[in-house]
């Protein structure tokens, strides 16, 4: 009766590939064939080190050995089983208790005393290699960090890796600072997450923001320029984005689980944050708060260029409630008029419907149907000319059945398709916004996200770009901002430029609808 075995294979890092596993399996199956052994199962751990016994498939294999369905565990080499003599002896003892022995496909180890000695030497060598590799890796990591190099792993929002160096990405860094400022000012983490996702901003992994991601951002010391590896701190590896005081304040809030919004903030979310740029230097206008000597909190917007260097920009600070009311009022009074609503609705419908593409499966079915119909037409023509045989009839019936099948598939695919927008529906939607009474900051924020793409703020005027064409659906870089500021698109700027003196200064939030 043939002996039964299972194969255990693993690779220890992401530098190795599935080909490593395939090679191990191939050698194990060849060994089993030569020795008349039947393989009944495979246990594979991917990107897990042999120095640890926290390997799911390995532990499952050890547990399954209790069922006594196999007599051998076959490995490519003994170092695939373990690189630690203690773990190796421990798990081999467990397998032996269950009547299972470990075999190496590449290492010829006999059952006698010399085989035991050889096995022990090979395991010792594997452990030495593992320890030496670990030391070399740690030395390499230390040297790389001392040189200020990126040592691998995931990057962070706010940074790029250029020539193995952490380099600040200015646009992303402003988003990070905004998150910290919002959290320090009392905005809930969920509100921050919703805002980032609604604006189409994504973390480095390309997914959506989550509460966990925001918490990790607040806790990550790299944002203040600190990298700690194996208990050693390396201060000159990552350039800081957030100042230490702001970082500490945010972490104290998180430590105390103070996630409730402050009452004053609930009514005054910075709804232009991330959308407003300085009309003089092109930097973003960021949310700021200040406290007077009597404890009163003030909310305003400030040019980030001026904040970083007072001499780099002359843009004055502006009260939050005033500029938000100006942008809100200008949009309602000058944009959401019947004439402009019709124009926006047509633009939205045209752009949206132009982007709708038929799925490849639908195109393939339609192409096949066209071919089938041509074949049917040829047969019908032949019949009309008096050419009619048994095979002609069978072919015609077959083609007609194929035609029915393709038409059914096409109907299903069309039902799955995105429906084109109708002008009347978009117009109704826009009119709803024009008539709506905006009761709180959350509703106004929804309004701003729906219509306003970018705002360019000067001391005497404001230029508002709306979400009405494809050019404005992406985040603008600094060069593009400066082009708009310098009047590259004069007609659009003239149409959407509003003098601040037209609008009465207010001391509270934006008004209602029209």
Foldseek 3Di string as FASTA:
>chain_A
DAFEEEEEAEDAAPVDDVVRVVVWVVLQVVLCVVVRYHYDYYFYFYNHAQQDPPTVSLVVVLVCLLVVPGQEYETQAVVRNHLDPVVSVVSQVSNVVSNHHYHHSPDDADPDPVSVVVNVVRSPVSNVVVVVVVVVLVVVVVVCLLVLFAPDDDDWFQWDQDPRATDGDQLRLLLLQQLLQCLLQQAALVVNQVLCVLLVHDIPVSDGDDSVNSVCSLVDCVQCQWDADPRDIRRHNHHHSDHPVSSVSSVVCVVVVVRGGDPVCQQPPQLCAPFEAALPQLAHWHWDWDADPVGDIFIWTHGVQCVVPVVRDDFDIGGRQFVLQVVVCCCLPPQLDLVNLLVLLVLVLVVVVVPFDQDPVLVVLVVVLVVLVVVLVVLVVCVVVVDDDPVSVVSNVVSVVSNVVSVVVNVVSVVPGDDGDDSVVSSVVSVCQQPFWDDGPVSSSVVCSQWWQHWHDHPFKIFTDTPRHPVRSDRDDSVVSNCVSVCVPVVNRVSRMGTSVVDDGDDHHHGTHD
